[in-house]
Amino acid sequence: MSIVQLDIPEEVLISLKQTPETISQELSILAAVKLFELGKLSSGRAAQLANVSRVEFLNLIGRYQVSPFALSPDELE
C-alpha cells in the first residue's frame, strides 16, 4: 500500500473538532466518493480507497447525493 501525506494546519483540525485519524478516514472517503462520481474509479476501487466494502460504499455515496448509476442527463429522459 502506498502512503500519501497531506499536511493539515492544526487550526483546521481544531475547527473540525476531529483527530488526525478521523479526518484521515473522512478524507479517504470523500476522495473515493468524488473519484467515483467523476468516473475515475469503479465502485470496487473506490471502496478500497475508502477502506470499506463495496456494499458499504454504495450505501455511503447516497449520503453525498451521488448516484451509483453513470447516466447522462439525456439517458435519464
PDB file of N, CA and C in Angstrom:
ATOM      1  N   MET A   1       0.848  -1.174   0.000  1.00  0.00           N
ATOM      2  CA  MET A   1       0.000   0.000   0.000  1.00  0.00           C
ATOM      3  C   MET A   1       0.891   1.233   0.000  1.00  0.00           C
ATOM      4  N   SER A   2       0.536   2.222  -0.788  1.00  0.00           N
ATOM      5  CA  SER A   2       1.263   3.484  -0.824  1.00  0.00           C
ATOM      6  C   SER A   2       0.711   4.428   0.232  1.00  0.00           C
ATOM      7  N   ILE A   3       1.564   5.307   0.691  1.00  0.00           N
ATOM      8  CA  ILE A   3       1.151   6.311   1.672  1.00  0.00           C
ATOM      9  C   ILE A   3       1.238   7.676   1.018  1.00  0.00           C
ATOM     10  N   VAL A   4       0.171   8.450   1.143  1.00  0.00           N
ATOM     11  CA  VAL A   4       0.132   9.825   0.664  1.00  0.00           C
ATOM     12  C   VAL A   4       0.000  10.708   1.893  1.00  0.00           C
ATOM     13  N   GLN A   5       0.868  11.695   2.000  1.00  0.00           N
ATOM     14  CA  GLN A   5       0.849  12.577   3.164  1.00  0.00           C
ATOM     15  C   GLN A   5       0.179  13.889   2.803  1.00  0.00           C
ATOM     16  N   LEU A   6      -0.674  14.360   3.684  1.00  0.00           N
ATOM     17  CA  LEU A   6      -1.364  15.633   3.498  1.00  0.00           C
ATOM     18  C   LEU A   6      -1.155  16.447   4.757  1.00  0.00           C
ATOM     19  N   ASP A   7      -0.566  17.619   4.618  1.00  0.00           N
ATOM     20  CA  ASP A   7      -0.345  18.491   5.769  1.00  0.00           C
ATOM     21  C   ASP A   7      -1.585  19.340   5.998  1.00  0.00           C
ATOM     22  N   ILE A   8      -2.134  19.233   7.200  1.00  0.00           N
ATOM     23  CA  ILE A   8      -3.336  19.982   7.563  1.00  0.00           C
ATOM     24  C   ILE A   8      -2.988  20.877   8.739  1.00  0.00           C
ATOM     25  N   PRO A   9      -3.221  22.176   8.609  1.00  0.00           N
ATOM     26  CA  PRO A   9      -2.921  23.073   9.729  1.00  0.00           C
ATOM     27  C   PRO A   9      -3.697  22.674  10.985  1.00  0.00           C
ATOM     28  N   GLU A  10      -3.031  22.796  12.118  1.00  0.00           N
ATOM     29  CA  GLU A  10      -3.638  22.441  13.402  1.00  0.00           C
ATOM     30  C   GLU A  10      -4.957  23.183  13.615  1.00  0.00           C
ATOM     31  N   GLU A  11      -5.023  24.434  13.152  1.00  0.00           N
ATOM     32  CA  GLU A  11      -6.239  25.234  13.319  1.00  0.00           C
ATOM     33  C   GLU A  11      -7.427  24.605  12.596  1.00  0.00           C
ATOM     34  N   VAL A  12      -7.161  23.987  11.465  1.00  0.00           N
ATOM     35  CA  VAL A  12      -8.228  23.331  10.705  1.00  0.00           C
ATOM     36  C   VAL A  12      -8.741  22.127  11.480  1.00  0.00           C
ATOM     37  N   LEU A  13      -7.831  21.332  12.019  1.00  0.00           N
ATOM     38  CA  LEU A  13      -8.250  20.180  12.828  1.00  0.00           C
ATOM     39  C   LEU A  13      -9.067  20.625  14.037  1.00  0.00           C
ATOM     40  N   ILE A  14      -8.643  21.712  14.665  1.00  0.00           N
ATOM     41  CA  ILE A  14      -9.385  22.240  15.816  1.00  0.00           C
ATOM     42  C   ILE A  14     -10.763  22.701  15.374  1.00  0.00           C
ATOM     43  N   SER A  15     -10.837  23.406  14.241  1.00  0.00           N
ATOM     44  CA  SER A  15     -12.132  23.881  13.726  1.00  0.00           C
ATOM     45  C   SER A  15     -13.064  22.721  13.412  1.00  0.00           C
ATOM     46  N   LEU A  16     -12.517  21.646  12.879  1.00  0.00           N
ATOM     47  CA  LEU A  16     -13.320  20.480  12.521  1.00  0.00           C
ATOM     48  C   LEU A  16     -13.643  19.602  13.726  1.00  0.00           C
ATOM     49  N   LYS A  17     -12.929  19.843  14.823  1.00  0.00           N
ATOM     50  CA  LYS A  17     -13.118  19.049  16.049  1.00  0.00           C
ATOM     51  C   LYS A  17     -12.940  17.555  15.766  1.00  0.00           C
ATOM     52  N   GLN A  18     -11.880  17.261  15.024  1.00  0.00           N
ATOM     53  CA  GLN A  18     -11.591  15.872  14.681  1.00  0.00           C
ATOM     54  C   GLN A  18     -10.125  15.565  14.948  1.00  0.00           C
ATOM     55  N   THR A  19      -9.865  14.310  15.215  1.00  0.00           N
ATOM     56  CA  THR A  19      -8.483  13.864  15.392  1.00  0.00           C
ATOM     57  C   THR A  19      -7.859  13.641  14.013  1.00  0.00           C
ATOM     58  N   PRO A  20      -6.543  13.602  13.940  1.00  0.00           N
ATOM     59  CA  PRO A  20      -5.910  13.298  12.655  1.00  0.00           C
ATOM     60  C   PRO A  20      -6.385  11.967  12.068  1.00  0.00           C
ATOM     61  N   GLU A  21      -6.651  10.987  12.915  1.00  0.00           N
ATOM     62  CA  GLU A  21      -7.103   9.676  12.431  1.00  0.00           C
ATOM     63  C   GLU A  21      -8.489   9.761  11.798  1.00  0.00           C
ATOM     64  N   THR A  22      -9.408  10.483  12.452  1.00  0.00           N
ATOM     65  CA  THR A  22     -10.764  10.564  11.903  1.00  0.00           C
ATOM     66  C   THR A  22     -10.809  11.416  10.647  1.00  0.00           C
ATOM     67  N   ILE A  23     -10.030  12.489  10.605  1.00  0.00           N
ATOM     68  CA  ILE A  23     -10.022  13.319   9.394  1.00  0.00           C
ATOM     69  C   ILE A  23      -9.363  12.549   8.250  1.00  0.00           C
ATOM     70  N   SER A  24      -8.374  11.719   8.548  1.00  0.00           N
ATOM     71  CA  SER A  24      -7.744  10.894   7.518  1.00  0.00           C
ATOM     72  C   SER A  24      -8.758   9.946   6.894  1.00  0.00           C
ATOM     73  N   GLN A  25      -9.542   9.281   7.728  1.00  0.00           N
ATOM     74  CA  GLN A  25     -10.572   8.362   7.223  1.00  0.00           C
ATOM     75  C   GLN A  25     -11.624   9.126   6.422  1.00  0.00           C
ATOM     76  N   GLU A  26     -12.045  10.286   6.936  1.00  0.00           N
ATOM     77  CA  GLU A  26     -13.066  11.061   6.225  1.00  0.00           C
ATOM     78  C   GLU A  26     -12.561  11.556   4.876  1.00  0.00           C
ATOM     79  N   LEU A  27     -11.310  12.003   4.830  1.00  0.00           N
ATOM     80  CA  LEU A  27     -10.752  12.464   3.558  1.00  0.00           C
ATOM     81  C   LEU A  27     -10.614  11.320   2.560  1.00  0.00           C
ATOM     82  N   SER A  28     -10.296  10.138   3.038  1.00  0.00           N
ATOM     83  CA  SER A  28     -10.232   8.971   2.147  1.00  0.00           C
ATOM     84  C   SER A  28     -11.600   8.670   1.554  1.00  0.00           C
ATOM     85  N   ILE A  29     -12.625   8.760   2.387  1.00  0.00           N
ATOM     86  CA  ILE A  29     -13.993   8.525   1.911  1.00  0.00           C
ATOM     87  C   ILE A  29     -14.399   9.596   0.914  1.00  0.00           C
ATOM     88  N   LEU A  30     -14.141  10.859   1.251  1.00  0.00           N
ATOM     89  CA  LEU A  30     -14.522  11.951   0.346  1.00  0.00           C
ATOM     90  C   LEU A  30     -13.798  11.846  -0.993  1.00  0.00           C
ATOM     91  N   ALA A  31     -12.516  11.501  -0.958  1.00  0.00           N
ATOM     92  CA  ALA A  31     -11.762  11.333  -2.205  1.00  0.00           C
ATOM     93  C   ALA A  31     -12.336  10.187  -3.022  1.00  0.00           C
ATOM     94  N   ALA A  32     -12.658   9.095  -2.363  1.00  0.00           N
ATOM     95  CA  ALA A  32     -13.222   7.937  -3.062  1.00  0.00           C
ATOM     96  C   ALA A  32     -14.558   8.279  -3.705  1.00  0.00           C
ATOM     97  N   VAL A  33     -15.411   8.982  -2.964  1.00  0.00           N
ATOM     98  CA  VAL A  33     -16.726   9.368  -3.490  1.00  0.00           C
ATOM     99  C   VAL A  33     -16.561  10.273  -4.708  1.00  0.00           C
ATOM    100  N   LYS A  34     -15.694  11.265  -4.602  1.00  0.00           N
ATOM    101  CA  LYS A  34     -15.515  12.209  -5.712  1.00  0.00           C
ATOM    102  C   LYS A  34     -14.896  11.525  -6.932  1.00  0.00           C
ATOM    103  N   LEU A  35     -13.894  10.689  -6.716  1.00  0.00           N
ATOM    104  CA  LEU A  35     -13.273   9.993  -7.846  1.00  0.00           C
ATOM    105  C   LEU A  35     -14.249   9.037  -8.514  1.00  0.00           C
ATOM    106  N   PHE A  36     -15.116   8.420  -7.731  1.00  0.00           N
ATOM    107  CA  PHE A  36     -16.167   7.574  -8.297  1.00  0.00           C
ATOM    108  C   PHE A  36     -17.146   8.433  -9.095  1.00  0.00           C
ATOM    109  N   GLU A  37     -17.561   9.560  -8.513  1.00  0.00           N
ATOM    110  CA  GLU A  37     -18.513  10.448  -9.188  1.00  0.00           C
ATOM    111  C   GLU A  37     -17.958  10.950 -10.519  1.00  0.00           C
ATOM    112  N   LEU A  38     -16.667  11.219 -10.565  1.00  0.00           N
ATOM    113  CA  LEU A  38     -16.023  11.697 -11.794  1.00  0.00           C
ATOM    114  C   LEU A  38     -15.752  10.579 -12.794  1.00  0.00           C
ATOM    115  N   GLY A  39     -16.018   9.343 -12.396  1.00  0.00           N
ATOM    116  CA  GLY A  39     -15.795   8.212 -13.287  1.00  0.00           C
ATOM    117  C   GLY A  39     -14.350   7.759 -13.355  1.00  0.00           C
ATOM    118  N   LYS A  40     -13.527   8.210 -12.417  1.00  0.00           N
ATOM    119  CA  LYS A  40     -12.113   7.845 -12.423  1.00  0.00           C
ATOM    120  C   LYS A  40     -11.850   6.533 -11.700  1.00  0.00           C
ATOM    121  N   LEU A  41     -12.773   6.119 -10.817  1.00  0.00           N
ATOM    122  CA  LEU A  41     -12.653   4.843 -10.114  1.00  0.00           C
ATOM    123  C   LEU A  41     -13.969   4.092 -10.197  1.00  0.00           C
ATOM    124  N   SER A  42     -13.877   2.788 -10.299  1.00  0.00           N
ATOM    125  CA  SER A  42     -15.077   1.950 -10.201  1.00  0.00           C
ATOM    126  C   SER A  42     -15.531   1.949  -8.746  1.00  0.00           C
ATOM    127  N   SER A  43     -16.735   1.470  -8.505  1.00  0.00           N
ATOM    128  CA  SER A  43     -17.224   1.417  -7.123  1.00  0.00           C
ATOM    129  C   SER A  43     -16.358   0.482  -6.276  1.00  0.00           C
ATOM    130  N   GLY A  44     -15.863  -0.577  -6.867  1.00  0.00           N
ATOM    131  CA  GLY A  44     -14.996  -1.500  -6.136  1.00  0.00           C
ATOM    132  C   GLY A  44     -13.676  -0.871  -5.731  1.00  0.00           C
ATOM    133  N   ARG A  45     -13.047  -0.167  -6.674  1.00  0.00           N
ATOM    134  CA  ARG A  45     -11.774   0.502  -6.372  1.00  0.00           C
ATOM    135  C   ARG A  45     -11.994   1.662  -5.399  1.00  0.00           C
ATOM    136  N   ALA A  46     -13.081   2.386  -5.562  1.00  0.00           N
ATOM    137  CA  ALA A  46     -13.390   3.483  -4.640  1.00  0.00           C
ATOM    138  C   ALA A  46     -13.618   2.943  -3.233  1.00  0.00           C
ATOM    139  N   ALA A  47     -14.266   1.802  -3.134  1.00  0.00           N
ATOM    140  CA  ALA A  47     -14.478   1.167  -1.827  1.00  0.00           C
ATOM    141  C   ALA A  47     -13.137   0.810  -1.193  1.00  0.00           C
ATOM    142  N   GLN A  48     -12.205   0.318  -2.004  1.00  0.00           N
ATOM    143  CA  GLN A  48     -10.865   0.011  -1.483  1.00  0.00           C
ATOM    144  C   GLN A  48     -10.204   1.265  -0.933  1.00  0.00           C
ATOM    145  N   LEU A  49     -10.301   2.368  -1.675  1.00  0.00           N
ATOM    146  CA  LEU A  49      -9.714   3.632  -1.231  1.00  0.00           C
ATOM    147  C   LEU A  49     -10.353   4.104   0.073  1.00  0.00           C
ATOM    148  N   ALA A  50     -11.653   3.939   0.183  1.00  0.00           N
ATOM    149  CA  ALA A  50     -12.377   4.354   1.388  1.00  0.00           C
ATOM    150  C   ALA A  50     -12.228   3.352   2.531  1.00  0.00           C
ATOM    151  N   ASN A  51     -11.617   2.210   2.238  1.00  0.00           N
ATOM    152  CA  ASN A  51     -11.413   1.148   3.230  1.00  0.00           C
ATOM    153  C   ASN A  51     -12.732   0.607   3.790  1.00  0.00           C
ATOM    154  N   VAL A  52     -13.696   0.409   2.885  1.00  0.00           N
ATOM    155  CA  VAL A  52     -14.992  -0.180   3.238  1.00  0.00           C
ATOM    156  C   VAL A  52     -15.339  -1.225   2.177  1.00  0.00           C
ATOM    157  N   SER A  53     -16.346  -2.030   2.451  1.00  0.00           N
ATOM    158  CA  SER A  53     -16.792  -2.996   1.443  1.00  0.00           C
ATOM    159  C   SER A  53     -17.503  -2.251   0.310  1.00  0.00           C
ATOM    160  N   ARG A  54     -17.660  -2.912  -0.814  1.00  0.00           N
ATOM    161  CA  ARG A  54     -18.355  -2.297  -1.952  1.00  0.00           C
ATOM    162  C   ARG A  54     -19.791  -1.957  -1.585  1.00  0.00           C
ATOM    163  N   VAL A  55     -20.468  -2.841  -0.863  1.00  0.00           N
ATOM    164  CA  VAL A  55     -21.850  -2.585  -0.440  1.00  0.00           C
ATOM    165  C   VAL A  55     -21.904  -1.362   0.473  1.00  0.00           C
ATOM    166  N   GLU A  56     -20.965  -1.279   1.429  1.00  0.00           N
ATOM    167  CA  GLU A  56     -20.923  -0.114   2.316  1.00  0.00           C
ATOM    168  C   GLU A  56     -20.679   1.163   1.517  1.00  0.00           C
ATOM    169  N   PHE A  57     -19.794   1.081   0.515  1.00  0.00           N
ATOM    170  CA  PHE A  57     -19.501   2.257  -0.302  1.00  0.00           C
ATOM    171  C   PHE A  57     -20.739   2.709  -1.066  1.00  0.00           C
ATOM    172  N   LEU A  58     -21.453   1.766  -1.653  1.00  0.00           N
ATOM    173  CA  LEU A  58     -22.657   2.127  -2.404  1.00  0.00           C
ATOM    174  C   LEU A  58     -23.704   2.752  -1.488  1.00  0.00           C
ATOM    175  N   ASN A  59     -23.770   2.325  -0.246  1.00  0.00           N
ATOM    176  CA  ASN A  59     -24.657   2.969   0.720  1.00  0.00           C
ATOM    177  C   ASN A  59     -24.136   4.347   1.112  1.00  0.00           C
ATOM    178  N   LEU A  60     -22.830   4.461   1.223  1.00  0.00           N
ATOM    179  CA  LEU A  60     -22.190   5.714   1.612  1.00  0.00           C
ATOM    180  C   LEU A  60     -22.424   6.836   0.610  1.00  0.00           C
ATOM    181  N   ILE A  61     -22.344   6.521  -0.676  1.00  0.00           N
ATOM    182  CA  ILE A  61     -22.434   7.588  -1.679  1.00  0.00           C
ATOM    183  C   ILE A  61     -23.782   8.291  -1.656  1.00  0.00           C
ATOM    184  N   GLY A  62     -24.797   7.610  -1.175  1.00  0.00           N
ATOM    185  CA  GLY A  62     -26.104   8.246  -1.048  1.00  0.00           C
ATOM    186  C   GLY A  62     -26.088   9.427  -0.099  1.00  0.00           C
ATOM    187  N   ARG A  63     -25.250   9.355   0.924  1.00  0.00           N
ATOM    188  CA  ARG A  63     -25.119  10.476   1.872  1.00  0.00           C
ATOM    189  C   ARG A  63     -24.597  11.731   1.190  1.00  0.00           C
ATOM    190  N   TYR A  64     -23.860  11.530   0.116  1.00  0.00           N
ATOM    191  CA  TYR A  64     -23.265  12.648  -0.616  1.00  0.00           C
ATOM    192  C   TYR A  64     -24.029  12.953  -1.902  1.00  0.00           C
ATOM    193  N   GLN A  65     -25.209  12.395  -2.014  1.00  0.00           N
ATOM    194  CA  GLN A  65     -26.096  12.606  -3.164  1.00  0.00           C
ATOM    195  C   GLN A  65     -25.417  12.256  -4.485  1.00  0.00           C
ATOM    196  N   VAL A  66     -24.667  11.163  -4.470  1.00  0.00           N
ATOM    197  CA  VAL A  66     -24.007  10.653  -5.673  1.00  0.00           C
ATOM    198  C   VAL A  66     -24.735   9.384  -6.084  1.00  0.00           C
ATOM    199  N   SER A  67     -25.108   9.326  -7.342  1.00  0.00           N
ATOM    200  CA  SER A  67     -25.822   8.164  -7.855  1.00  0.00           C
ATOM    201  C   SER A  67     -24.855   7.021  -8.155  1.00  0.00           C
ATOM    202  N   PRO A  68     -25.262   5.803  -7.887  1.00  0.00           N
ATOM    203  CA  PRO A  68     -24.413   4.666  -8.254  1.00  0.00           C
ATOM    204  C   PRO A  68     -24.466   4.357  -9.749  1.00  0.00           C
ATOM    205  N   PHE A  69     -25.333   5.048 -10.468  1.00  0.00           N
ATOM    206  CA  PHE A  69     -25.506   4.816 -11.901  1.00  0.00           C
ATOM    207  C   PHE A  69     -24.856   5.933 -12.687  1.00  0.00           C
ATOM    208  N   ALA A  70     -24.086   5.586 -13.701  1.00  0.00           N
ATOM    209  CA  ALA A  70     -23.400   6.568 -14.536  1.00  0.00           C
ATOM    210  C   ALA A  70     -24.248   6.855 -15.769  1.00  0.00           C
ATOM    211  N   LEU A  71     -25.258   7.666 -15.589  1.00  0.00           N
ATOM    212  CA  LEU A  71     -26.136   8.025 -16.704  1.00  0.00           C
ATOM    213  C   LEU A  71     -26.037   9.516 -16.980  1.00  0.00           C
ATOM    214  N   SER A  72     -26.027   9.863 -18.260  1.00  0.00           N
ATOM    215  CA  SER A  72     -26.028  11.273 -18.630  1.00  0.00           C
ATOM    216  C   SER A  72     -27.457  11.804 -18.520  1.00  0.00           C
ATOM    217  N   PRO A  73     -27.626  13.123 -18.461  1.00  0.00           N
ATOM    218  CA  PRO A  73     -28.979  13.682 -18.415  1.00  0.00           C
ATOM    219  C   PRO A  73     -29.850  13.229 -19.588  1.00  0.00           C
ATOM    220  N   ASP A  74     -29.258  13.063 -20.781  1.00  0.00           N
ATOM    221  CA  ASP A  74     -30.020  12.603 -21.945  1.00  0.00           C
ATOM    222  C   ASP A  74     -30.524  11.173 -21.748  1.00  0.00           C
ATOM    223  N   GLU A  75     -29.711  10.337 -21.115  1.00  0.00           N
ATOM    224  CA  GLU A  75     -30.107   8.954 -20.879  1.00  0.00           C
ATOM    225  C   GLU A  75     -31.232   8.849 -19.858  1.00  0.00           C
ATOM    226  N   LEU A  76     -31.358   9.841 -19.012  1.00  0.00           N
ATOM    227  CA  LEU A  76     -32.404   9.822 -17.992  1.00  0.00           C
ATOM    228  C   LEU A  76     -33.771  10.177 -18.563  1.00  0.00           C
ATOM    229  N   GLU A  77     -33.803  10.813 -19.724  1.00  0.00           N
ATOM    230  CA  GLU A  77     -35.080  11.233 -20.324  1.00  0.00           C
ATOM    231  C   GLU A  77     -35.757  10.110 -21.068  1.00  0.00           C
TER     232      GLU A  77
END
